PDB file of N, CA and C in Angstrom:
ATOM      1  N   MET A   1      78.942  63.368  19.851  1.00  0.00           N
ATOM      2  CA  MET A   1      78.358  62.950  18.584  1.00  0.00           C
ATOM      3  C   MET A   1      77.004  63.622  18.402  1.00  0.00           C
ATOM      4  N   THR A   2      76.643  63.697  17.177  1.00  0.00           N
ATOM      5  CA  THR A   2      75.376  64.354  16.884  1.00  0.00           C
ATOM      6  C   THR A   2      74.238  63.359  16.999  1.00  0.00           C
ATOM      7  N   ASP A   3      73.055  63.907  17.062  1.00  0.00           N
ATOM      8  CA  ASP A   3      71.858  63.083  17.231  1.00  0.00           C
ATOM      9  C   ASP A   3      71.630  62.134  16.050  1.00  0.00           C
ATOM     10  N   PRO A   4      71.761  62.541  14.797  1.00  0.00           N
ATOM     11  CA  PRO A   4      71.582  61.602  13.682  1.00  0.00           C
ATOM     12  C   PRO A   4      72.603  60.460  13.711  1.00  0.00           C
ATOM     13  N   THR A   5      73.804  60.771  14.125  1.00  0.00           N
ATOM     14  CA  THR A   5      74.833  59.723  14.213  1.00  0.00           C
ATOM     15  C   THR A   5      74.467  58.709  15.286  1.00  0.00           C
ATOM     16  N   ASN A   6      73.982  59.216  16.405  1.00  0.00           N
ATOM     17  CA  ASN A   6      73.558  58.303  17.481  1.00  0.00           C
ATOM     18  C   ASN A   6      72.410  57.408  17.023  1.00  0.00           C
ATOM     19  N   ARG A   7      71.475  57.994  16.312  1.00  0.00           N
ATOM     20  CA  ARG A   7      70.350  57.201  15.815  1.00  0.00           C
ATOM     21  C   ARG A   7      70.809  56.140  14.826  1.00  0.00           C
ATOM     22  N   GLU A   8      71.753  56.507  13.973  1.00  0.00           N
ATOM     23  CA  GLU A   8      72.272  55.550  12.991  1.00  0.00           C
ATOM     24  C   GLU A   8      72.991  54.388  13.695  1.00  0.00           C
ATOM     25  N   ILE A   9      73.779  54.720  14.692  1.00  0.00           N
ATOM     26  CA  ILE A   9      74.474  53.685  15.459  1.00  0.00           C
ATOM     27  C   ILE A   9      73.456  52.800  16.173  1.00  0.00           C
ATOM     28  N   LEU A  10      72.454  53.404  16.754  1.00  0.00           N
ATOM     29  CA  LEU A  10      71.419  52.632  17.458  1.00  0.00           C
ATOM     30  C   LEU A  10      70.689  51.699  16.512  1.00  0.00           C
ATOM     31  N   GLU A  11      70.362  52.166  15.320  1.00  0.00           N
ATOM     32  CA  GLU A  11      69.672  51.306  14.339  1.00  0.00           C
ATOM     33  C   GLU A  11      70.564  50.141  13.905  1.00  0.00           C
ATOM     34  N   GLU A  12      71.873  50.417  13.716  1.00  0.00           N
ATOM     35  CA  GLU A  12      72.781  49.335  13.334  1.00  0.00           C
ATOM     36  C   GLU A  12      72.924  48.315  14.454  1.00  0.00           C
ATOM     37  N   LEU A  13      72.992  48.788  15.686  1.00  0.00           N
ATOM     38  CA  LEU A  13      73.089  47.871  16.827  1.00  0.00           C
ATOM     39  C   LEU A  13      71.813  47.032  16.982  1.00  0.00           C
ATOM     40  N   LYS A  14      70.664  47.619  16.735  1.00  0.00           N
ATOM     41  CA  LYS A  14      69.409  46.874  16.793  1.00  0.00           C
ATOM     42  C   LYS A  14      69.377  45.782  15.719  1.00  0.00           C
ATOM     43  N   ALA A  15      69.866  46.118  14.511  1.00  0.00           N
ATOM     44  CA  ALA A  15      69.891  45.133  13.430  1.00  0.00           C
ATOM     45  C   ALA A  15      70.841  43.979  13.770  1.00  0.00           C
ATOM     46  N   ILE A  16      71.993  44.313  14.333  1.00  0.00           N
ATOM     47  CA  ILE A  16      72.948  43.273  14.724  1.00  0.00           C
ATOM     48  C   ILE A  16      72.354  42.400  15.824  1.00  0.00           C
ATOM     49  N   ASN A  17      71.693  43.021  16.782  1.00  0.00           N
ATOM     50  CA  ASN A  17      71.067  42.285  17.882  1.00  0.00           C
ATOM     51  C   ASN A  17      69.979  41.356  17.368  1.00  0.00           C
ATOM     52  N   GLN A  18      69.185  41.828  16.415  1.00  0.00           N
ATOM     53  CA  GLN A  18      68.144  40.989  15.846  1.00  0.00           C
ATOM     54  C   GLN A  18      68.734  39.788  15.120  1.00  0.00           C
ATOM     55  N   LYS A  19      69.806  40.003  14.362  1.00  0.00           N
ATOM     56  CA  LYS A  19      70.457  38.895  13.672  1.00  0.00           C
ATOM     57  C   LYS A  19      71.018  37.885  14.663  1.00  0.00           C
ATOM     58  N   LEU A  20      71.604  38.364  15.752  1.00  0.00           N
ATOM     59  CA  LEU A  20      72.121  37.455  16.771  1.00  0.00           C
ATOM     60  C   LEU A  20      71.004  36.665  17.439  1.00  0.00           C
ATOM     61  N   ASP A  21      69.868  37.294  17.675  1.00  0.00           N
ATOM     62  CA  ASP A  21      68.728  36.590  18.246  1.00  0.00           C
ATOM     63  C   ASP A  21      68.239  35.477  17.318  1.00  0.00           C
ATOM     64  N   GLU A  22      68.219  35.750  16.012  1.00  0.00           N
ATOM     65  CA  GLU A  22      67.803  34.726  15.041  1.00  0.00           C
ATOM     66  C   GLU A  22      68.777  33.555  15.042  1.00  0.00           C
ATOM     67  N   VAL A  23      70.073  33.841  15.123  1.00  0.00           N
ATOM     68  CA  VAL A  23      71.083  32.778  15.141  1.00  0.00           C
ATOM     69  C   VAL A  23      70.921  31.943  16.409  1.00  0.00           C
ATOM     70  N   ASN A  24      70.686  32.602  17.544  1.00  0.00           N
ATOM     71  CA  ASN A  24      70.512  31.884  18.808  1.00  0.00           C
ATOM     72  C   ASN A  24      69.256  31.014  18.779  1.00  0.00           C
ATOM     73  N   GLU A  25      68.195  31.474  18.165  1.00  0.00           N
ATOM     74  CA  GLU A  25      66.977  30.676  18.077  1.00  0.00           C
ATOM     75  C   GLU A  25      67.202  29.420  17.249  1.00  0.00           C
ATOM     76  N   ARG A  26      67.972  29.538  16.157  1.00  0.00           N
ATOM     77  CA  ARG A  26      68.285  28.360  15.331  1.00  0.00           C
ATOM     78  C   ARG A  26      69.166  27.394  16.079  1.00  0.00           C
ATOM     79  N   ALA A  27      70.067  27.903  16.918  1.00  0.00           N
ATOM     80  CA  ALA A  27      70.997  27.052  17.646  1.00  0.00           C
ATOM     81  C   ALA A  27      70.286  26.287  18.766  1.00  0.00           C
ATOM     82  N   LYS A  28      69.178  26.811  19.263  1.00  0.00           N
ATOM     83  CA  LYS A  28      68.454  26.163  20.365  1.00  0.00           C
ATOM     84  C   LYS A  28      67.652  24.950  19.904  1.00  0.00           C
ATOM     85  N   LYS A  29      67.331  24.878  18.630  1.00  0.00           N
ATOM     86  CA  LYS A  29      66.530  23.769  18.135  1.00  0.00           C
ATOM     87  C   LYS A  29      67.321  22.482  18.233  1.00  0.00           C
ATOM     88  N   PRO A  30      66.693  21.411  18.742  1.00  0.00           N
ATOM     89  CA  PRO A  30      67.420  20.130  18.840  1.00  0.00           C
ATOM     90  C   PRO A  30      67.690  19.563  17.462  1.00  0.00           C
ATOM     91  N   LYS A  31      68.885  19.031  17.311  1.00  0.00           N
ATOM     92  CA  LYS A  31      69.256  18.459  16.035  1.00  0.00           C
ATOM     93  C   LYS A  31      69.252  16.944  16.162  1.00  0.00           C
ATOM     94  N   GLY A  32      68.822  16.269  15.128  1.00  0.00           N
ATOM     95  CA  GLY A  32      68.800  14.819  15.119  1.00  0.00           C
ATOM     96  C   GLY A  32      70.150  14.256  14.702  1.00  0.00           C
ATOM     97  N   LEU A  33      70.179  12.948  14.569  1.00  0.00           N
ATOM     98  CA  LEU A  33      71.397  12.295  14.124  1.00  0.00           C
ATOM     99  C   LEU A  33      71.657  12.607  12.647  1.00  0.00           C
ATOM    100  N   SER A  34      72.914  12.716  12.316  1.00  0.00           N
ATOM    101  CA  SER A  34      73.250  12.850  10.913  1.00  0.00           C
ATOM    102  C   SER A  34      73.044  11.506  10.231  1.00  0.00           C
ATOM    103  N   THR A  35      73.006  11.503   8.919  1.00  0.00           N
ATOM    104  CA  THR A  35      72.743  10.279   8.171  1.00  0.00           C
ATOM    105  C   THR A  35      73.795   9.203   8.415  1.00  0.00           C
ATOM    106  N   PRO A  36      75.093   9.513   8.388  1.00  0.00           N
ATOM    107  CA  PRO A  36      76.076   8.455   8.680  1.00  0.00           C
ATOM    108  C   PRO A  36      75.939   7.875  10.086  1.00  0.00           C
ATOM    109  N   MET A  37      75.655   8.721  11.065  1.00  0.00           N
ATOM    110  CA  MET A  37      75.498   8.223  12.428  1.00  0.00           C
ATOM    111  C   MET A  37      74.254   7.362  12.570  1.00  0.00           C
ATOM    112  N   ALA A  38      73.185   7.700  11.859  1.00  0.00           N
ATOM    113  CA  ALA A  38      71.989   6.890  11.889  1.00  0.00           C
ATOM    114  C   ALA A  38      72.238   5.522  11.279  1.00  0.00           C
ATOM    115  N   ILE A  39      73.010   5.477  10.202  1.00  0.00           N
ATOM    116  CA  ILE A  39      73.332   4.200   9.546  1.00  0.00           C
ATOM    117  C   ILE A  39      74.191   3.347  10.478  1.00  0.00           C
ATOM    118  N   ILE A  40      75.162   3.964  11.140  1.00  0.00           N
ATOM    119  CA  ILE A  40      76.006   3.234  12.079  1.00  0.00           C
ATOM    120  C   ILE A  40      75.173   2.691  13.235  1.00  0.00           C
ATOM    121  N   ALA A  41      74.254   3.492  13.756  1.00  0.00           N
ATOM    122  CA  ALA A  41      73.409   3.041  14.849  1.00  0.00           C
ATOM    123  C   ALA A  41      72.516   1.877  14.399  1.00  0.00           C
ATOM    124  N   LEU A  42      72.020   1.937  13.195  1.00  0.00           N
ATOM    125  CA  LEU A  42      71.187   0.861  12.666  1.00  0.00           C
ATOM    126  C   LEU A  42      71.975  -0.434  12.519  1.00  0.00           C
ATOM    127  N   VAL A  43      73.185  -0.325  11.969  1.00  0.00           N
ATOM    128  CA  VAL A  43      74.034  -1.514  11.785  1.00  0.00           C
ATOM    129  C   VAL A  43      74.410  -2.118  13.134  1.00  0.00           C
ATOM    130  N   LEU A  44      74.788  -1.278  14.085  1.00  0.00           N
ATOM    131  CA  LEU A  44      75.130  -1.784  15.406  1.00  0.00           C
ATOM    132  C   LEU A  44      73.912  -2.412  16.084  1.00  0.00           C
ATOM    133  N   GLY A  45      72.777  -1.825  15.872  1.00  0.00           N
ATOM    134  CA  GLY A  45      71.563  -2.387  16.468  1.00  0.00           C
ATOM    135  C   GLY A  45      71.269  -3.777  15.954  1.00  0.00           C
ATOM    136  N   PHE A  46      71.405  -3.984  14.669  1.00  0.00           N
ATOM    137  CA  PHE A  46      71.110  -5.299  14.111  1.00  0.00           C
ATOM    138  C   PHE A  46      72.234  -6.293  14.391  1.00  0.00           C
ATOM    139  N   SER A  47      73.481  -5.855  14.379  1.00  0.00           N
ATOM    140  CA  SER A  47      74.576  -6.802  14.519  1.00  0.00           C
ATOM    141  C   SER A  47      74.944  -7.117  15.965  1.00  0.00           C
ATOM    142  N   VAL A  48      74.706  -6.204  16.886  1.00  0.00           N
ATOM    143  CA  VAL A  48      75.070  -6.431  18.276  1.00  0.00           C
ATOM    144  C   VAL A  48      73.856  -6.704  19.148  1.00  0.00           C
ATOM    145  N   LEU A  49      72.925  -5.796  19.142  1.00  0.00           N
ATOM    146  CA  LEU A  49      71.777  -5.928  20.021  1.00  0.00           C
ATOM    147  C   LEU A  49      70.796  -7.011  19.570  1.00  0.00           C
ATOM    148  N   GLY A  50      70.649  -7.183  18.276  1.00  0.00           N
ATOM    149  CA  GLY A  50      69.734  -8.202  17.769  1.00  0.00           C
ATOM    150  C   GLY A  50      70.068  -9.598  18.245  1.00  0.00           C
ATOM    151  N   PRO A  51      71.304 -10.065  18.033  1.00  0.00           N
ATOM    152  CA  PRO A  51      71.660 -11.403  18.525  1.00  0.00           C
ATOM    153  C   PRO A  51      71.572 -11.522  20.050  1.00  0.00           C
ATOM    154  N   MET A  52      71.919 -10.459  20.753  1.00  0.00           N
ATOM    155  CA  MET A  52      71.823 -10.530  22.226  1.00  0.00           C
ATOM    156  C   MET A  52      70.387 -10.701  22.675  1.00  0.00           C
ATOM    157  N   ILE A  53      69.486  -9.970  22.078  1.00  0.00           N
ATOM    158  CA  ILE A  53      68.070 -10.090  22.447  1.00  0.00           C
ATOM    159  C   ILE A  53      67.516 -11.447  22.050  1.00  0.00           C
ATOM    160  N   SER A  54      67.904 -11.948  20.887  1.00  0.00           N
ATOM    161  CA  SER A  54      67.412 -13.266  20.469  1.00  0.00           C
ATOM    162  C   SER A  54      67.952 -14.364  21.390  1.00  0.00           C
ATOM    163  N   MET A  55      69.200 -14.248  21.846  1.00  0.00           N
ATOM    164  CA  MET A  55      69.737 -15.230  22.806  1.00  0.00           C
ATOM    165  C   MET A  55      68.978 -15.158  24.127  1.00  0.00           C
ATOM    166  N   LEU A  56      68.633 -13.969  24.547  1.00  0.00           N
ATOM    167  CA  LEU A  56      67.865 -13.800  25.772  1.00  0.00           C
ATOM    168  C   LEU A  56      66.512 -14.470  25.662  1.00  0.00           C
ATOM    169  N   PHE A  57      65.831 -14.295  24.509  1.00  0.00           N
ATOM    170  CA  PHE A  57      64.552 -14.941  24.306  1.00  0.00           C
ATOM    171  C   PHE A  57      64.698 -16.468  24.289  1.00  0.00           C
ATOM    172  N   VAL A  58      65.755 -16.959  23.678  1.00  0.00           N
ATOM    173  CA  VAL A  58      65.965 -18.407  23.635  1.00  0.00           C
ATOM    174  C   VAL A  58      66.168 -18.955  25.040  1.00  0.00           C
ATOM    175  N   LEU A  59      66.954 -18.250  25.848  1.00  0.00           N
ATOM    176  CA  LEU A  59      67.204 -18.707  27.212  1.00  0.00           C
ATOM    177  C   LEU A  59      65.945 -18.621  28.087  1.00  0.00           C
ATOM    178  N   LEU A  60      65.159 -17.599  27.890  1.00  0.00           N
ATOM    179  CA  LEU A  60      63.963 -17.428  28.703  1.00  0.00           C
ATOM    180  C   LEU A  60      62.848 -18.411  28.334  1.00  0.00           C
ATOM    181  N   PHE A  61      62.709 -18.695  27.043  1.00  0.00           N
ATOM    182  CA  PHE A  61      61.600 -19.514  26.595  1.00  0.00           C
ATOM    183  C   PHE A  61      62.029 -20.920  26.196  1.00  0.00           C
ATOM    184  N   ASP A  62      63.213 -21.331  26.598  1.00  0.00           N
ATOM    185  CA  ASP A  62      63.694 -22.673  26.288  1.00  0.00           C
ATOM    186  C   ASP A  62      62.951 -23.674  27.183  1.00  0.00           C
ATOM    187  N   MET A  63      62.346 -24.671  26.547  1.00  0.00           N
ATOM    188  CA  MET A  63      61.559 -25.648  27.297  1.00  0.00           C
ATOM    189  C   MET A  63      62.145 -27.009  27.225  1.00  0.00           C
TER     190      MET A  63
END
């Protein structure tokens, strides 16, 4: 292959590599809960854990 062709291929490979690096950087960022999962966690927290904790307090502080 000729030198200009090699340079063109090298430039295209560098561009592809840069795009892949950007995608990998975005993928490394921690993601939070989605909105439906947050709502489910909130409902479960109030309906399951709330009564359990209140019963624990009643049993501990019952005089």
